[in-house]
Amino acid sequence: MKSKPKKKSSKKINWGISIAILLFILLGAIITIRRYTVDPFTNEAFTVYIRPETTFDELLKGIQNNVDKSTYYRFKRLAKLDGYELKMKPGAYKLDPSMSPVDVYRILSRGLQTPVSFKFNNIRTKEQFAQSVSRQLMADSASIMTLFNDSTFIAKYGFNNETIVSMFFPDSYEFYWTISAEEIFNRMKKEYDRFWTEAKIEKAKSMGVTPQELTTIASIAEEETNDKSERGVVGRLYINRYQINMPLQADPTIKFALQDFSLKRILNTHLEVDSPYNTYKYPGVPPGPIRFVSKQTLQTILSADAHDYIYMCAKEDFSGTHNFAKSFSQHQVNANRYRKALNARNIK
């Protein structure tokens, strides 16, 4: 009769142990779930780049260098369990502290790329643009140059090999890192069409030039002066020359023809170069822009007031701005002052 209480006590102990075990398991599960679904994957944001040739081990190494050891192994377990190695998707993926390991794995396995900012400015040549692309996007420079040199491909946009750079406006654009070379061209054409409204085309026409001719003139204006407020005056000056059939005689076109942008002084020997970009030898607007032109410069020239200047000369104070003249006699006065300043500084 005295043993019955012992059985009840034993059962209570067993139940207590079972509940404790269950609570322990539950607590462990909660902690594990939290570590995978709530805890931040990283303390500082970083971007993972996956190319078509990137291996799983290379990806793991990149992640390992940016997160703590335990987080690294959590991601690795998830990837192994789901066979991620066989379904890696190329792209740029920005990972930040707001993401858990599960969030990161979901983003990578589904190919949910983060858009990247593609910027280019102060670009003179196609090669420089292609190099800028290869530094910032997955597309390599060779793929860009192949399209630049494909006259049939370029023609579908309404350009030729010389004028195609008119389609590219230096700016900041949001792309997916995996954008193809052809998709870049397509995007640039959309930006070009968005800028060149019917009103702007008519404005250019009223000046006696086409959008592409105006772009070429704007490229010369950008090379002539770093003073953005002066570019409208310079652009209109070259339009004045063009309208009266006067050779443009623009020094920057000589540098482009020689592909020597380091020249500080254009001499008579330089003017002998036989190139359609030699505006001292060949009249009219050159075949295409001598640099990639900004929308701001185009708008500045389109909005600039008309004037009668047909001569310009760098100021003798080397400020980067110019003295303008309507007559050749006044231009000679300006030019002599500038030559004296060059000689005084022994600039050749």
C-alpha atoms as a PDB file:
ATOM      1  CA  MET A   1       0.000   0.000   0.000  1.00  0.00           C
ATOM      2  CA  LYS A   2       2.920   2.349   0.613  1.00  0.00           C
ATOM      3  CA  SER A   3       4.438   1.796  -2.900  1.00  0.00           C
ATOM      4  CA  LYS A   4       1.644   3.581  -4.853  1.00  0.00           C
ATOM      5  CA  PRO A   5       2.752   7.105  -3.970  1.00  0.00           C
ATOM      6  CA  LYS A   6       6.225   6.191  -5.206  1.00  0.00           C
ATOM      7  CA  LYS A   7       4.800   5.307  -8.681  1.00  0.00           C
ATOM      8  CA  LYS A   8       2.948   8.588  -8.860  1.00  0.00           C
ATOM      9  CA  SER A   9       6.084  10.463  -7.881  1.00  0.00           C
ATOM     10  CA  SER A  10       8.104   8.552 -10.478  1.00  0.00           C
ATOM     11  CA  LYS A  11       5.584   9.434 -13.175  1.00  0.00           C
ATOM     12  CA  LYS A  12       5.735  13.094 -12.221  1.00  0.00           C
ATOM     13  CA  ILE A  13       9.510  12.994 -12.473  1.00  0.00           C
ATOM     14  CA  ASN A  14       9.350  11.289 -15.885  1.00  0.00           C
ATOM     15  CA  TRP A  15       6.827  13.870 -17.138  1.00  0.00           C
ATOM     16  CA  GLY A  16       8.990  16.635 -15.798  1.00  0.00           C
ATOM     17  CA  ILE A  17      12.039  15.259 -17.571  1.00  0.00           C
ATOM     18  CA  SER A  18      10.081  14.828 -20.817  1.00  0.00           C
ATOM     19  CA  ILE A  19       8.761  18.367 -20.659  1.00  0.00           C
ATOM     20  CA  ALA A  20      12.232  19.660 -19.896  1.00  0.00           C
ATOM     21  CA  ILE A  21      13.628  17.750 -22.891  1.00  0.00           C
ATOM     22  CA  LEU A  22      10.854  19.045 -25.121  1.00  0.00           C
ATOM     23  CA  LEU A  23      11.439  22.583 -23.915  1.00  0.00           C
ATOM     24  CA  PHE A  24      15.140  22.157 -24.487  1.00  0.00           C
ATOM     25  CA  ILE A  25      14.521  20.864 -28.027  1.00  0.00           C
ATOM     26  CA  LEU A  26      12.017  23.641 -28.660  1.00  0.00           C
ATOM     27  CA  LEU A  27      14.434  26.247 -27.377  1.00  0.00           C
ATOM     28  CA  GLY A  28      17.178  24.806 -29.552  1.00  0.00           C
ATOM     29  CA  ALA A  29      14.860  24.867 -32.557  1.00  0.00           C
ATOM     30  CA  ILE A  30      13.895  28.472 -31.849  1.00  0.00           C
ATOM     31  CA  ILE A  31      17.543  29.473 -31.515  1.00  0.00           C
ATOM     32  CA  THR A  32      18.428  27.638 -34.733  1.00  0.00           C
ATOM     33  CA  ILE A  33      15.516  29.132 -36.638  1.00  0.00           C
ATOM     34  CA  ARG A  34      16.441  32.556 -35.338  1.00  0.00           C
ATOM     35  CA  ARG A  35      20.040  32.156 -36.419  1.00  0.00           C
ATOM     36  CA  TYR A  36      18.953  31.227 -39.942  1.00  0.00           C
ATOM     37  CA  THR A  37      15.966  33.544 -40.396  1.00  0.00           C
ATOM     38  CA  VAL A  38      16.427  36.541 -38.091  1.00  0.00           C
ATOM     39  CA  ASP A  39      20.083  37.113 -37.235  1.00  0.00           C
ATOM     40  CA  PRO A  40      21.902  39.414 -39.702  1.00  0.00           C
ATOM     41  CA  PHE A  41      24.000  37.686 -42.335  1.00  0.00           C
ATOM     42  CA  THR A  42      26.632  40.425 -42.187  1.00  0.00           C
ATOM     43  CA  ASN A  43      27.512  43.444 -40.102  1.00  0.00           C
ATOM     44  CA  GLU A  44      28.563  45.511 -43.115  1.00  0.00           C
ATOM     45  CA  ALA A  45      27.122  45.559 -46.622  1.00  0.00           C
ATOM     46  CA  PHE A  46      29.141  43.983 -49.413  1.00  0.00           C
ATOM     47  CA  THR A  47      28.464  42.861 -52.966  1.00  0.00           C
ATOM     48  CA  VAL A  48      28.909  39.377 -54.374  1.00  0.00           C
ATOM     49  CA  TYR A  49      29.687  39.108 -58.097  1.00  0.00           C
ATOM     50  CA  ILE A  50      28.931  35.833 -59.822  1.00  0.00           C
ATOM     51  CA  ARG A  51      30.144  35.320 -63.391  1.00  0.00           C
ATOM     52  CA  PRO A  52      29.113  32.379 -65.586  1.00  0.00           C
ATOM     53  CA  GLU A  53      32.494  30.804 -64.871  1.00  0.00           C
ATOM     54  CA  THR A  54      32.436  31.437 -61.096  1.00  0.00           C
ATOM     55  CA  THR A  55      32.641  28.191 -59.126  1.00  0.00           C
ATOM     56  CA  PHE A  56      30.776  27.397 -55.921  1.00  0.00           C
ATOM     57  CA  ASP A  57      34.059  27.315 -54.008  1.00  0.00           C
ATOM     58  CA  GLU A  58      34.992  30.764 -55.319  1.00  0.00           C
ATOM     59  CA  LEU A  59      31.630  32.112 -54.180  1.00  0.00           C
ATOM     60  CA  LEU A  60      32.068  30.561 -50.740  1.00  0.00           C
ATOM     61  CA  LYS A  61      35.525  32.099 -50.438  1.00  0.00           C
ATOM     62  CA  GLY A  62      34.141  35.540 -51.250  1.00  0.00           C
ATOM     63  CA  ILE A  63      31.427  35.158 -48.621  1.00  0.00           C
ATOM     64  CA  GLN A  64      33.835  33.744 -46.054  1.00  0.00           C
ATOM     65  CA  ASN A  65      35.970  36.883 -46.321  1.00  0.00           C
ATOM     66  CA  ASN A  66      33.028  39.088 -45.326  1.00  0.00           C
ATOM     67  CA  VAL A  67      31.075  37.227 -42.626  1.00  0.00           C
ATOM     68  CA  ASP A  68      31.853  35.431 -39.381  1.00  0.00           C
ATOM     69  CA  LYS A  69      32.621  31.727 -39.333  1.00  0.00           C
ATOM     70  CA  SER A  70      29.266  30.535 -37.977  1.00  0.00           C
ATOM     71  CA  THR A  71      27.281  32.534 -40.547  1.00  0.00           C
ATOM     72  CA  TYR A  72      29.488  31.216 -43.318  1.00  0.00           C
ATOM     73  CA  TYR A  73      28.723  27.617 -42.311  1.00  0.00           C
ATOM     74  CA  ARG A  74      24.991  28.312 -42.070  1.00  0.00           C
ATOM     75  CA  PHE A  75      24.962  29.569 -45.640  1.00  0.00           C
ATOM     76  CA  LYS A  76      27.077  26.638 -46.783  1.00  0.00           C
ATOM     77  CA  ARG A  77      24.644  24.143 -45.181  1.00  0.00           C
ATOM     78  CA  LEU A  78      21.657  25.777 -46.864  1.00  0.00           C
ATOM     79  CA  ALA A  79      23.416  25.752 -50.228  1.00  0.00           C
ATOM     80  CA  LYS A  80      24.459  22.107 -49.909  1.00  0.00           C
ATOM     81  CA  LEU A  81      20.994  20.973 -48.811  1.00  0.00           C
ATOM     82  CA  ASP A  82      19.344  22.673 -51.779  1.00  0.00           C
ATOM     83  CA  GLY A  83      21.934  21.779 -54.419  1.00  0.00           C
ATOM     84  CA  TYR A  84      22.732  25.436 -55.090  1.00  0.00           C
ATOM     85  CA  GLU A  85      26.026  24.533 -56.755  1.00  0.00           C
ATOM     86  CA  LEU A  86      24.059  23.318 -59.788  1.00  0.00           C
ATOM     87  CA  LYS A  87      21.840  26.387 -60.134  1.00  0.00           C
ATOM     88  CA  MET A  88      24.085  29.391 -59.497  1.00  0.00           C
ATOM     89  CA  LYS A  89      22.887  32.471 -61.390  1.00  0.00           C
ATOM     90  CA  PRO A  90      25.296  35.174 -62.618  1.00  0.00           C
ATOM     91  CA  GLY A  91      24.768  38.633 -61.235  1.00  0.00           C
ATOM     92  CA  ALA A  92      25.714  41.288 -58.715  1.00  0.00           C
ATOM     93  CA  TYR A  93      24.069  40.822 -55.325  1.00  0.00           C
ATOM     94  CA  LYS A  94      24.368  43.417 -52.600  1.00  0.00           C
ATOM     95  CA  LEU A  95      24.102  41.802 -49.168  1.00  0.00           C
ATOM     96  CA  ASP A  96      23.468  43.938 -46.106  1.00  0.00           C
ATOM     97  CA  PRO A  97      22.724  43.652 -42.351  1.00  0.00           C
ATOM     98  CA  SER A  98      18.954  43.671 -42.937  1.00  0.00           C
ATOM     99  CA  MET A  99      19.224  40.186 -44.479  1.00  0.00           C
ATOM    100  CA  SER A 100      19.306  36.850 -42.689  1.00  0.00           C
ATOM    101  CA  PRO A 101      21.152  33.775 -44.022  1.00  0.00           C
ATOM    102  CA  VAL A 102      17.863  32.492 -45.447  1.00  0.00           C
ATOM    103  CA  ASP A 103      17.209  35.852 -47.110  1.00  0.00           C
ATOM    104  CA  VAL A 104      20.652  35.804 -48.683  1.00  0.00           C
ATOM    105  CA  TYR A 105      20.252  32.272 -49.934  1.00  0.00           C
ATOM    106  CA  ARG A 106      16.836  33.083 -51.401  1.00  0.00           C
ATOM    107  CA  ILE A 107      18.253  36.117 -53.217  1.00  0.00           C
ATOM    108  CA  LEU A 108      21.209  34.214 -54.662  1.00  0.00           C
ATOM    109  CA  SER A 109      19.338  31.056 -55.609  1.00  0.00           C
ATOM    110  CA  ARG A 110      16.561  32.998 -57.350  1.00  0.00           C
ATOM    111  CA  GLY A 111      18.933  35.359 -59.131  1.00  0.00           C
ATOM    112  CA  LEU A 112      17.389  38.469 -57.565  1.00  0.00           C
ATOM    113  CA  GLN A 113      20.118  40.875 -58.630  1.00  0.00           C
ATOM    114  CA  THR A 114      20.727  44.297 -57.164  1.00  0.00           C
ATOM    115  CA  PRO A 115      20.847  47.061 -59.829  1.00  0.00           C
ATOM    116  CA  VAL A 116      24.249  48.722 -60.059  1.00  0.00           C
ATOM    117  CA  SER A 117      25.095  52.301 -60.951  1.00  0.00           C
ATOM    118  CA  PHE A 118      26.952  52.587 -64.250  1.00  0.00           C
ATOM    119  CA  LYS A 119      28.682  55.943 -64.675  1.00  0.00           C
ATOM    120  CA  PHE A 120      30.789  57.338 -67.460  1.00  0.00           C
ATOM    121  CA  ASN A 121      32.036  60.839 -68.176  1.00  0.00           C
ATOM    122  CA  ASN A 122      34.981  62.623 -69.734  1.00  0.00           C
ATOM    123  CA  ILE A 123      35.160  59.959 -72.441  1.00  0.00           C
ATOM    124  CA  ARG A 124      36.816  60.759 -75.765  1.00  0.00           C
ATOM    125  CA  THR A 125      36.995  57.459 -77.613  1.00  0.00           C
ATOM    126  CA  LYS A 126      35.017  54.283 -78.128  1.00  0.00           C
ATOM    127  CA  GLU A 127      37.866  52.338 -76.581  1.00  0.00           C
ATOM    128  CA  GLN A 128      37.673  54.401 -73.396  1.00  0.00           C
ATOM    129  CA  PHE A 129      33.934  53.781 -73.182  1.00  0.00           C
ATOM    130  CA  ALA A 130      34.422  50.038 -73.702  1.00  0.00           C
ATOM    131  CA  GLN A 131      37.009  49.973 -70.924  1.00  0.00           C
ATOM    132  CA  SER A 132      34.631  51.848 -68.619  1.00  0.00           C
ATOM    133  CA  VAL A 133      31.970  49.210 -69.262  1.00  0.00           C
ATOM    134  CA  SER A 134      34.328  46.332 -68.516  1.00  0.00           C
ATOM    135  CA  ARG A 135      35.357  47.939 -65.215  1.00  0.00           C
ATOM    136  CA  GLN A 136      31.790  48.368 -63.992  1.00  0.00           C
ATOM    137  CA  LEU A 137      29.708  45.647 -65.656  1.00  0.00           C
ATOM    138  CA  MET A 138      30.062  41.993 -66.619  1.00  0.00           C
ATOM    139  CA  ALA A 139      30.239  42.750 -70.359  1.00  0.00           C
ATOM    140  CA  ASP A 140      33.835  42.891 -71.554  1.00  0.00           C
ATOM    141  CA  SER A 141      35.380  45.637 -73.661  1.00  0.00           C
ATOM    142  CA  ALA A 142      35.757  43.332 -76.673  1.00  0.00           C
ATOM    143  CA  SER A 143      31.988  42.767 -76.888  1.00  0.00           C
ATOM    144  CA  ILE A 144      31.383  46.537 -76.858  1.00  0.00           C
ATOM    145  CA  MET A 145      34.039  47.229 -79.503  1.00  0.00           C
ATOM    146  CA  THR A 146      32.653  44.474 -81.717  1.00  0.00           C
ATOM    147  CA  LEU A 147      29.321  46.296 -81.848  1.00  0.00           C
ATOM    148  CA  PHE A 148      30.954  49.721 -82.307  1.00  0.00           C
ATOM    149  CA  ASN A 149      32.740  48.324 -85.360  1.00  0.00           C
ATOM    150  CA  ASP A 150      29.723  46.506 -86.816  1.00  0.00           C
ATOM    151  CA  SER A 151      28.338  48.955 -89.394  1.00  0.00           C
ATOM    152  CA  THR A 152      25.270  46.795 -90.052  1.00  0.00           C
ATOM    153  CA  PHE A 153      24.401  46.659 -86.358  1.00  0.00           C
ATOM    154  CA  ILE A 154      24.969  50.398 -85.926  1.00  0.00           C
ATOM    155  CA  ALA A 155      22.851  51.267 -88.960  1.00  0.00           C
ATOM    156  CA  LYS A 156      19.707  49.920 -87.311  1.00  0.00           C
ATOM    157  CA  TYR A 157      19.953  52.789 -84.820  1.00  0.00           C
ATOM    158  CA  GLY A 158      20.315  55.351 -87.615  1.00  0.00           C
ATOM    159  CA  PHE A 159      24.056  55.994 -87.200  1.00  0.00           C
ATOM    160  CA  ASN A 160      27.336  55.087 -88.849  1.00  0.00           C
ATOM    161  CA  ASN A 161      30.736  54.222 -87.395  1.00  0.00           C
ATOM    162  CA  GLU A 162      31.647  57.898 -86.939  1.00  0.00           C
ATOM    163  CA  THR A 163      28.342  59.239 -85.598  1.00  0.00           C
ATOM    164  CA  ILE A 164      27.401  56.358 -83.276  1.00  0.00           C
ATOM    165  CA  VAL A 165      28.994  58.058 -80.262  1.00  0.00           C
ATOM    166  CA  SER A 166      26.269  60.729 -80.610  1.00  0.00           C
ATOM    167  CA  MET A 167      23.903  58.149 -79.133  1.00  0.00           C
ATOM    168  CA  PHE A 168      25.789  57.868 -75.840  1.00  0.00           C
ATOM    169  CA  PHE A 169      25.205  60.570 -73.228  1.00  0.00           C
ATOM    170  CA  PRO A 170      27.672  60.623 -70.297  1.00  0.00           C
ATOM    171  CA  ASP A 171      25.635  60.208 -67.131  1.00  0.00           C
ATOM    172  CA  SER A 172      24.785  57.767 -64.357  1.00  0.00           C
ATOM    173  CA  TYR A 173      22.524  54.845 -65.268  1.00  0.00           C
ATOM    174  CA  GLU A 174      21.035  51.975 -63.296  1.00  0.00           C
ATOM    175  CA  PHE A 175      21.681  48.593 -64.906  1.00  0.00           C
ATOM    176  CA  TYR A 176      21.783  44.977 -63.889  1.00  0.00           C
ATOM    177  CA  TRP A 177      25.426  43.970 -63.775  1.00  0.00           C
ATOM    178  CA  THR A 178      24.773  41.174 -66.298  1.00  0.00           C
ATOM    179  CA  ILE A 179      23.379  43.508 -68.980  1.00  0.00           C
ATOM    180  CA  SER A 180      24.645  42.508 -72.421  1.00  0.00           C
ATOM    181  CA  ALA A 181      26.533  44.752 -74.821  1.00  0.00           C
ATOM    182  CA  GLU A 182      23.532  44.942 -77.157  1.00  0.00           C
ATOM    183  CA  GLU A 183      21.207  45.827 -74.280  1.00  0.00           C
ATOM    184  CA  ILE A 184      23.525  48.719 -73.380  1.00  0.00           C
ATOM    185  CA  PHE A 185      23.209  50.055 -76.927  1.00  0.00           C
ATOM    186  CA  ASN A 186      19.425  49.661 -76.774  1.00  0.00           C
ATOM    187  CA  ARG A 187      19.251  51.612 -73.517  1.00  0.00           C
ATOM    188  CA  MET A 188      21.424  54.374 -74.911  1.00  0.00           C
ATOM    189  CA  LYS A 189      19.139  54.682 -77.949  1.00  0.00           C
ATOM    190  CA  LYS A 190      16.149  55.127 -75.635  1.00  0.00           C
ATOM    191  CA  GLU A 191      17.987  57.894 -73.778  1.00  0.00           C
ATOM    192  CA  TYR A 192      18.904  59.522 -77.099  1.00  0.00           C
ATOM    193  CA  ASP A 193      15.293  59.456 -78.338  1.00  0.00           C
ATOM    194  CA  ARG A 194      14.067  60.772 -74.988  1.00  0.00           C
ATOM    195  CA  PHE A 195      16.400  63.772 -75.239  1.00  0.00           C
ATOM    196  CA  TRP A 196      15.895  64.604 -78.900  1.00  0.00           C
ATOM    197  CA  THR A 197      12.271  65.681 -78.828  1.00  0.00           C
ATOM    198  CA  GLU A 198      10.626  67.164 -81.907  1.00  0.00           C
ATOM    199  CA  ALA A 199      11.057  70.628 -80.382  1.00  0.00           C
ATOM    200  CA  LYS A 200      14.824  70.155 -80.000  1.00  0.00           C
ATOM    201  CA  ILE A 201      15.158  68.734 -83.512  1.00  0.00           C
ATOM    202  CA  GLU A 202      13.298  71.763 -84.901  1.00  0.00           C
ATOM    203  CA  LYS A 203      15.507  74.093 -82.848  1.00  0.00           C
ATOM    204  CA  ALA A 204      18.636  72.507 -84.322  1.00  0.00           C
ATOM    205  CA  LYS A 205      17.106  72.742 -87.780  1.00  0.00           C
ATOM    206  CA  SER A 206      16.502  76.467 -87.268  1.00  0.00           C
ATOM    207  CA  MET A 207      20.248  76.808 -86.627  1.00  0.00           C
ATOM    208  CA  GLY A 208      20.965  75.069 -89.914  1.00  0.00           C
ATOM    209  CA  VAL A 209      22.248  71.783 -88.449  1.00  0.00           C
ATOM    210  CA  THR A 210      21.004  68.261 -87.782  1.00  0.00           C
ATOM    211  CA  PRO A 211      21.057  66.723 -84.284  1.00  0.00           C
ATOM    212  CA  GLN A 212      24.155  64.735 -85.224  1.00  0.00           C
ATOM    213  CA  GLU A 213      25.938  67.809 -86.614  1.00  0.00           C
ATOM    214  CA  LEU A 214      25.033  69.760 -83.501  1.00  0.00           C
ATOM    215  CA  THR A 215      26.407  66.917 -81.363  1.00  0.00           C
ATOM    216  CA  THR A 216      29.701  67.053 -83.266  1.00  0.00           C
ATOM    217  CA  ILE A 217      29.887  70.824 -82.790  1.00  0.00           C
ATOM    218  CA  ALA A 218      29.054  70.366 -79.089  1.00  0.00           C
ATOM    219  CA  SER A 219      31.906  67.866 -78.773  1.00  0.00           C
ATOM    220  CA  ILE A 220      34.299  70.496 -80.118  1.00  0.00           C
ATOM    221  CA  ALA A 221      32.890  73.054 -77.669  1.00  0.00           C
ATOM    222  CA  GLU A 222      33.487  70.674 -74.759  1.00  0.00           C
ATOM    223  CA  GLU A 223      37.107  70.224 -75.825  1.00  0.00           C
ATOM    224  CA  GLU A 224      37.586  73.959 -76.348  1.00  0.00           C
ATOM    225  CA  THR A 225      36.538  75.035 -72.858  1.00  0.00           C
ATOM    226  CA  ASN A 226      36.064  73.597 -69.397  1.00  0.00           C
ATOM    227  CA  ASP A 227      33.865  76.553 -68.531  1.00  0.00           C
ATOM    228  CA  LYS A 228      30.371  75.132 -68.932  1.00  0.00           C
ATOM    229  CA  SER A 229      28.796  78.567 -69.066  1.00  0.00           C
ATOM    230  CA  GLU A 230      30.957  79.413 -72.111  1.00  0.00           C
ATOM    231  CA  ARG A 231      30.108  76.347 -74.178  1.00  0.00           C
ATOM    232  CA  GLY A 232      26.902  77.857 -75.533  1.00  0.00           C
ATOM    233  CA  VAL A 233      28.836  80.827 -76.953  1.00  0.00           C
ATOM    234  CA  VAL A 234      31.528  78.561 -78.407  1.00  0.00           C
ATOM    235  CA  GLY A 235      28.972  76.222 -79.952  1.00  0.00           C
ATOM    236  CA  ARG A 236      27.100  79.092 -81.588  1.00  0.00           C
ATOM    237  CA  LEU A 237      30.415  80.488 -82.881  1.00  0.00           C
ATOM    238  CA  TYR A 238      31.130  77.280 -84.790  1.00  0.00           C
ATOM    239  CA  ILE A 239      27.568  77.247 -86.101  1.00  0.00           C
ATOM    240  CA  ASN A 240      28.171  80.799 -87.364  1.00  0.00           C
ATOM    241  CA  ARG A 241      31.273  79.618 -89.221  1.00  0.00           C
ATOM    242  CA  TYR A 242      29.418  76.653 -90.662  1.00  0.00           C
ATOM    243  CA  GLN A 243      26.548  78.842 -91.862  1.00  0.00           C
ATOM    244  CA  ILE A 244      28.872  81.166 -93.822  1.00  0.00           C
ATOM    245  CA  ASN A 245      30.900  78.240 -95.247  1.00  0.00           C
ATOM    246  CA  MET A 246      33.942  79.204 -93.218  1.00  0.00           C
ATOM    247  CA  PRO A 247      36.225  76.314 -92.174  1.00  0.00           C
ATOM    248  CA  LEU A 248      35.671  75.521 -88.507  1.00  0.00           C
ATOM    249  CA  GLN A 249      39.439  75.596 -87.869  1.00  0.00           C
ATOM    250  CA  ALA A 250      39.029  73.992 -84.464  1.00  0.00           C
ATOM    251  CA  ASP A 251      42.248  72.933 -82.743  1.00  0.00           C
ATOM    252  CA  PRO A 252      40.627  70.063 -80.796  1.00  0.00           C
ATOM    253  CA  THR A 253      39.804  68.328 -84.088  1.00  0.00           C
ATOM    254  CA  ILE A 254      43.520  68.304 -84.927  1.00  0.00           C
ATOM    255  CA  LYS A 255      44.280  66.571 -81.641  1.00  0.00           C
ATOM    256  CA  PHE A 256      41.579  64.010 -82.457  1.00  0.00           C
ATOM    257  CA  ALA A 257      42.935  63.495 -85.977  1.00  0.00           C
ATOM    258  CA  LEU A 258      46.419  62.888 -84.544  1.00  0.00           C
ATOM    259  CA  GLN A 259      45.000  60.948 -81.565  1.00  0.00           C
ATOM    260  CA  ASP A 260      47.317  62.999 -79.389  1.00  0.00           C
ATOM    261  CA  PHE A 261      45.271  64.725 -76.701  1.00  0.00           C
ATOM    262  CA  SER A 262      48.358  65.868 -74.802  1.00  0.00           C
ATOM    263  CA  LEU A 263      49.176  68.628 -77.310  1.00  0.00           C
ATOM    264  CA  LYS A 264      49.148  72.026 -75.633  1.00  0.00           C
ATOM    265  CA  ARG A 265      49.911  74.052 -78.733  1.00  0.00           C
ATOM    266  CA  ILE A 266      48.848  73.344 -82.321  1.00  0.00           C
ATOM    267  CA  LEU A 267      51.657  74.139 -84.786  1.00  0.00           C
ATOM    268  CA  ASN A 268      51.617  74.452 -88.580  1.00  0.00           C
ATOM    269  CA  THR A 269      53.142  70.978 -88.894  1.00  0.00           C
ATOM    270  CA  HIS A 270      50.144  69.532 -87.051  1.00  0.00           C
ATOM    271  CA  LEU A 271      47.779  71.199 -89.509  1.00  0.00           C
ATOM    272  CA  GLU A 272      49.204  69.088 -92.344  1.00  0.00           C
ATOM    273  CA  VAL A 273      47.590  65.879 -91.085  1.00  0.00           C
ATOM    274  CA  ASP A 274      45.394  64.406 -93.810  1.00  0.00           C
ATOM    275  CA  SER A 275      42.214  63.529 -91.984  1.00  0.00           C
ATOM    276  CA  PRO A 276      38.532  64.377 -92.464  1.00  0.00           C
ATOM    277  CA  TYR A 277      38.760  65.646 -88.867  1.00  0.00           C
ATOM    278  CA  ASN A 278      41.283  68.298 -89.903  1.00  0.00           C
ATOM    279  CA  THR A 279      38.923  71.271 -89.894  1.00  0.00           C
ATOM    280  CA  TYR A 280      41.678  73.541 -91.195  1.00  0.00           C
ATOM    281  CA  LYS A 281      41.960  71.477 -94.383  1.00  0.00           C
ATOM    282  CA  TYR A 282      38.418  70.189 -94.860  1.00  0.00           C
ATOM    283  CA  PRO A 283      35.361  72.489 -94.655  1.00  0.00           C
ATOM    284  CA  GLY A 284      32.099  71.674 -92.928  1.00  0.00           C
ATOM    285  CA  VAL A 285      31.342  69.652 -89.805  1.00  0.00           C
ATOM    286  CA  PRO A 286      33.659  66.654 -89.193  1.00  0.00           C
ATOM    287  CA  PRO A 287      32.280  63.130 -89.795  1.00  0.00           C
ATOM    288  CA  GLY A 288      31.376  62.622 -86.143  1.00  0.00           C
ATOM    289  CA  PRO A 289      31.890  63.810 -82.552  1.00  0.00           C
ATOM    290  CA  ILE A 290      35.412  63.967 -81.174  1.00  0.00           C
ATOM    291  CA  ARG A 291      34.180  62.937 -77.724  1.00  0.00           C
ATOM    292  CA  PHE A 292      31.058  61.643 -75.957  1.00  0.00           C
ATOM    293  CA  VAL A 293      28.876  64.714 -75.434  1.00  0.00           C
ATOM    294  CA  SER A 294      26.750  65.495 -72.392  1.00  0.00           C
ATOM    295  CA  LYS A 295      23.076  66.395 -72.600  1.00  0.00           C
ATOM    296  CA  GLN A 296      23.871  69.548 -70.633  1.00  0.00           C
ATOM    297  CA  THR A 297      26.217  70.866 -73.333  1.00  0.00           C
ATOM    298  CA  LEU A 298      23.699  70.127 -76.074  1.00  0.00           C
ATOM    299  CA  GLN A 299      20.970  71.905 -74.125  1.00  0.00           C
ATOM    300  CA  THR A 300      23.275  74.852 -73.425  1.00  0.00           C
ATOM    301  CA  ILE A 301      23.953  75.350 -77.141  1.00  0.00           C
ATOM    302  CA  LEU A 302      20.306  74.873 -78.066  1.00  0.00           C
ATOM    303  CA  SER A 303      19.333  77.512 -75.504  1.00  0.00           C
ATOM    304  CA  ALA A 304      22.196  79.948 -76.175  1.00  0.00           C
ATOM    305  CA  ASP A 305      21.478  83.378 -77.579  1.00  0.00           C
ATOM    306  CA  ALA A 306      22.535  84.005 -81.162  1.00  0.00           C
ATOM    307  CA  HIS A 307      25.621  86.235 -81.629  1.00  0.00           C
ATOM    308  CA  ASP A 308      27.942  87.446 -84.395  1.00  0.00           C
ATOM    309  CA  TYR A 309      31.250  86.069 -83.113  1.00  0.00           C
ATOM    310  CA  ILE A 310      33.280  84.042 -85.599  1.00  0.00           C
ATOM    311  CA  TYR A 311      36.702  84.197 -83.916  1.00  0.00           C
ATOM    312  CA  MET A 312      37.895  82.983 -80.564  1.00  0.00           C
ATOM    313  CA  CYS A 313      41.221  82.759 -78.794  1.00  0.00           C
ATOM    314  CA  ALA A 314      42.220  81.451 -75.389  1.00  0.00           C
ATOM    315  CA  LYS A 315      42.651  84.196 -72.850  1.00  0.00           C
ATOM    316  CA  GLU A 316      46.203  85.142 -71.978  1.00  0.00           C
ATOM    317  CA  ASP A 317      45.510  84.571 -68.277  1.00  0.00           C
ATOM    318  CA  PHE A 318      45.216  80.800 -68.906  1.00  0.00           C
ATOM    319  CA  SER A 319      41.877  80.754 -67.120  1.00  0.00           C
ATOM    320  CA  GLY A 320      40.540  78.284 -69.651  1.00  0.00           C
ATOM    321  CA  THR A 321      38.088  80.851 -71.028  1.00  0.00           C
ATOM    322  CA  HIS A 322      38.234  82.785 -74.296  1.00  0.00           C
ATOM    323  CA  ASN A 323      38.263  86.194 -75.916  1.00  0.00           C
ATOM    324  CA  PHE A 324      35.708  86.398 -78.723  1.00  0.00           C
ATOM    325  CA  ALA A 325      35.772  88.658 -81.759  1.00  0.00           C
ATOM    326  CA  LYS A 326      33.545  89.562 -84.691  1.00  0.00           C
ATOM    327  CA  SER A 327      36.400  90.863 -86.881  1.00  0.00           C
ATOM    328  CA  PHE A 328      39.719  89.355 -87.879  1.00  0.00           C
ATOM    329  CA  SER A 329      41.586  92.499 -86.825  1.00  0.00           C
ATOM    330  CA  GLN A 330      40.290  92.215 -83.261  1.00  0.00           C
ATOM    331  CA  HIS A 331      41.056  88.492 -83.299  1.00  0.00           C
ATOM    332  CA  GLN A 332      44.676  89.235 -84.238  1.00  0.00           C
ATOM    333  CA  VAL A 333      44.990  91.501 -81.225  1.00  0.00           C
ATOM    334  CA  ASN A 334      43.647  88.725 -78.971  1.00  0.00           C
ATOM    335  CA  ALA A 335      45.836  86.082 -80.612  1.00  0.00           C
ATOM    336  CA  ASN A 336      49.022  88.149 -80.222  1.00  0.00           C
ATOM    337  CA  ARG A 337      48.365  88.559 -76.507  1.00  0.00           C
ATOM    338  CA  TYR A 338      47.928  84.800 -76.140  1.00  0.00           C
ATOM    339  CA  ARG A 339      51.072  83.986 -78.167  1.00  0.00           C
ATOM    340  CA  LYS A 340      53.127  86.300 -75.975  1.00  0.00           C
ATOM    341  CA  ALA A 341      51.781  84.566 -72.883  1.00  0.00           C
ATOM    342  CA  LEU A 342      52.700  81.153 -74.329  1.00  0.00           C
ATOM    343  CA  ASN A 343      56.198  82.281 -75.188  1.00  0.00           C
ATOM    344  CA  ALA A 344      56.659  83.830 -71.763  1.00  0.00           C
ATOM    345  CA  ARG A 345      55.910  80.433 -70.214  1.00  0.00           C
ATOM    346  CA  ASN A 346      57.989  78.611 -72.833  1.00  0.00           C
ATOM    347  CA  ILE A 347      54.993  76.509 -73.862  1.00  0.00           C
ATOM    348  CA  LYS A 348      55.546  74.867 -77.227  1.00  0.00           C
END
